[in-house]
Amino acid sequence: MAECSAAMPSYTYAMKAEKLLKASGISCSVRRRDNASASGCGYSLIISGECSEAVAVLRKYSIPFTGVSDGGE
């Protein structure tokens, strides 16, 4: 199963994204990164499955994220 991560701009958006994706049937979890960076607050959304589908849902509902690694776009 494919897995990708999206850097989130805040913990609040990470939690909103997780709730939205799970409601859409997409498996995901929020994880704390070791270091915060310019691309996010220190939290990432780890997405299992079809990453491009998750990205489409996040964009549809205007949930900001600052990049997807290992697929998705």
C-alpha atoms as a PDB file:
ATOM      1  CA  MET A   1       0.000   0.000   0.000  1.00  0.00           C
ATOM      2  CA  ALA A   2       1.314   3.423  -0.922  1.00  0.00           C
ATOM      3  CA  GLU A   3       2.088   5.918   1.813  1.00  0.00           C
ATOM      4  CA  CYS A   4       2.859   9.616   1.615  1.00  0.00           C
ATOM      5  CA  SER A   5       3.104  12.527   4.000  1.00  0.00           C
ATOM      6  CA  ALA A   6       1.841  16.095   3.757  1.00  0.00           C
ATOM      7  CA  ALA A   7       3.457  18.875   5.780  1.00  0.00           C
ATOM      8  CA  MET A   8       0.745  20.825   7.563  1.00  0.00           C
ATOM      9  CA  PRO A   9       0.889  24.554   8.401  1.00  0.00           C
ATOM     10  CA  SER A  10      -0.617  24.049  11.872  1.00  0.00           C
ATOM     11  CA  TYR A  11      -1.728  21.373  14.300  1.00  0.00           C
ATOM     12  CA  THR A  12      -5.326  22.555  13.880  1.00  0.00           C
ATOM     13  CA  TYR A  13      -5.255  22.013  10.116  1.00  0.00           C
ATOM     14  CA  ALA A  14      -3.591  18.635  10.601  1.00  0.00           C
ATOM     15  CA  MET A  15      -6.439  17.516  12.864  1.00  0.00           C
ATOM     16  CA  LYS A  16      -9.103  18.907  10.500  1.00  0.00           C
ATOM     17  CA  ALA A  17      -7.468  17.132   7.558  1.00  0.00           C
ATOM     18  CA  GLU A  18      -7.307  13.850   9.461  1.00  0.00           C
ATOM     19  CA  LYS A  19     -10.992  14.046  10.388  1.00  0.00           C
ATOM     20  CA  LEU A  20     -12.015  14.952   6.825  1.00  0.00           C
ATOM     21  CA  LEU A  21      -9.951  12.214   5.173  1.00  0.00           C
ATOM     22  CA  LYS A  22     -11.149   9.545   7.600  1.00  0.00           C
ATOM     23  CA  ALA A  23     -14.752  10.607   6.924  1.00  0.00           C
ATOM     24  CA  SER A  24     -13.953  10.181   3.209  1.00  0.00           C
ATOM     25  CA  GLY A  25     -12.696   6.634   3.830  1.00  0.00           C
ATOM     26  CA  ILE A  26      -8.984   7.458   3.519  1.00  0.00           C
ATOM     27  CA  SER A  27      -6.713   6.000   6.190  1.00  0.00           C
ATOM     28  CA  CYS A  28      -4.368   8.584   7.732  1.00  0.00           C
ATOM     29  CA  SER A  29      -2.801   9.786  10.972  1.00  0.00           C
ATOM     30  CA  VAL A  30      -1.157  12.905  12.354  1.00  0.00           C
ATOM     31  CA  ARG A  31       2.460  12.591  13.433  1.00  0.00           C
ATOM     32  CA  ARG A  32       4.853  15.011  15.067  1.00  0.00           C
ATOM     33  CA  ARG A  33       8.044  15.554  13.074  1.00  0.00           C
ATOM     34  CA  ASP A  34      11.396  15.807  14.803  1.00  0.00           C
ATOM     35  CA  ASN A  35      11.979  19.363  13.612  1.00  0.00           C
ATOM     36  CA  ALA A  36       9.645  22.093  12.445  1.00  0.00           C
ATOM     37  CA  SER A  37      10.651  23.610   9.129  1.00  0.00           C
ATOM     38  CA  ALA A  38       9.721  26.495   6.866  1.00  0.00           C
ATOM     39  CA  SER A  39       7.299  24.121   5.105  1.00  0.00           C
ATOM     40  CA  GLY A  40       5.186  23.400   8.170  1.00  0.00           C
ATOM     41  CA  CYS A  41       4.586  23.577  11.886  1.00  0.00           C
ATOM     42  CA  GLY A  42       6.189  20.302  12.849  1.00  0.00           C
ATOM     43  CA  TYR A  43       3.179  18.072  12.154  1.00  0.00           C
ATOM     44  CA  SER A  44       2.653  15.862   9.141  1.00  0.00           C
ATOM     45  CA  LEU A  45      -0.356  14.006   7.890  1.00  0.00           C
ATOM     46  CA  ILE A  46       0.617  10.419   7.016  1.00  0.00           C
ATOM     47  CA  ILE A  47      -1.712   9.097   4.321  1.00  0.00           C
ATOM     48  CA  SER A  48      -2.081   5.395   3.514  1.00  0.00           C
ATOM     49  CA  GLY A  49      -3.449   4.420   0.137  1.00  0.00           C
ATOM     50  CA  GLU A  50      -4.021   6.558  -2.931  1.00  0.00           C
ATOM     51  CA  CYS A  51      -2.256   9.827  -2.151  1.00  0.00           C
ATOM     52  CA  SER A  52      -3.635  11.716  -5.148  1.00  0.00           C
ATOM     53  CA  GLU A  53      -7.175  11.032  -3.925  1.00  0.00           C
ATOM     54  CA  ALA A  54      -6.313  12.460  -0.491  1.00  0.00           C
ATOM     55  CA  VAL A  55      -4.728  15.550  -2.078  1.00  0.00           C
ATOM     56  CA  ALA A  56      -7.877  16.082  -4.156  1.00  0.00           C
ATOM     57  CA  VAL A  57     -10.047  15.945  -1.020  1.00  0.00           C
ATOM     58  CA  LEU A  58      -7.802  18.408   0.833  1.00  0.00           C
ATOM     59  CA  ARG A  59      -7.908  20.824  -2.102  1.00  0.00           C
ATOM     60  CA  LYS A  60     -11.672  20.463  -2.532  1.00  0.00           C
ATOM     61  CA  TYR A  61     -12.220  21.533   1.071  1.00  0.00           C
ATOM     62  CA  SER A  62      -9.456  24.192   1.028  1.00  0.00           C
ATOM     63  CA  ILE A  63      -7.318  22.516   3.687  1.00  0.00           C
ATOM     64  CA  PRO A  64      -3.838  24.000   3.290  1.00  0.00           C
ATOM     65  CA  PHE A  65      -0.736  21.842   3.160  1.00  0.00           C
ATOM     66  CA  THR A  66       2.783  22.667   2.032  1.00  0.00           C
ATOM     67  CA  GLY A  67       3.857  19.643   0.067  1.00  0.00           C
ATOM     68  CA  VAL A  68       3.430  15.925  -0.325  1.00  0.00           C
ATOM     69  CA  SER A  69       6.370  13.551  -0.265  1.00  0.00           C
ATOM     70  CA  ASP A  70       6.416  10.106  -1.896  1.00  0.00           C
ATOM     71  CA  GLY A  71       3.541  10.682  -4.294  1.00  0.00           C
ATOM     72  CA  GLY A  72       0.290  12.589  -4.294  1.00  0.00           C
ATOM     73  CA  GLU A  73       0.779  15.234  -6.935  1.00  0.00           C
END
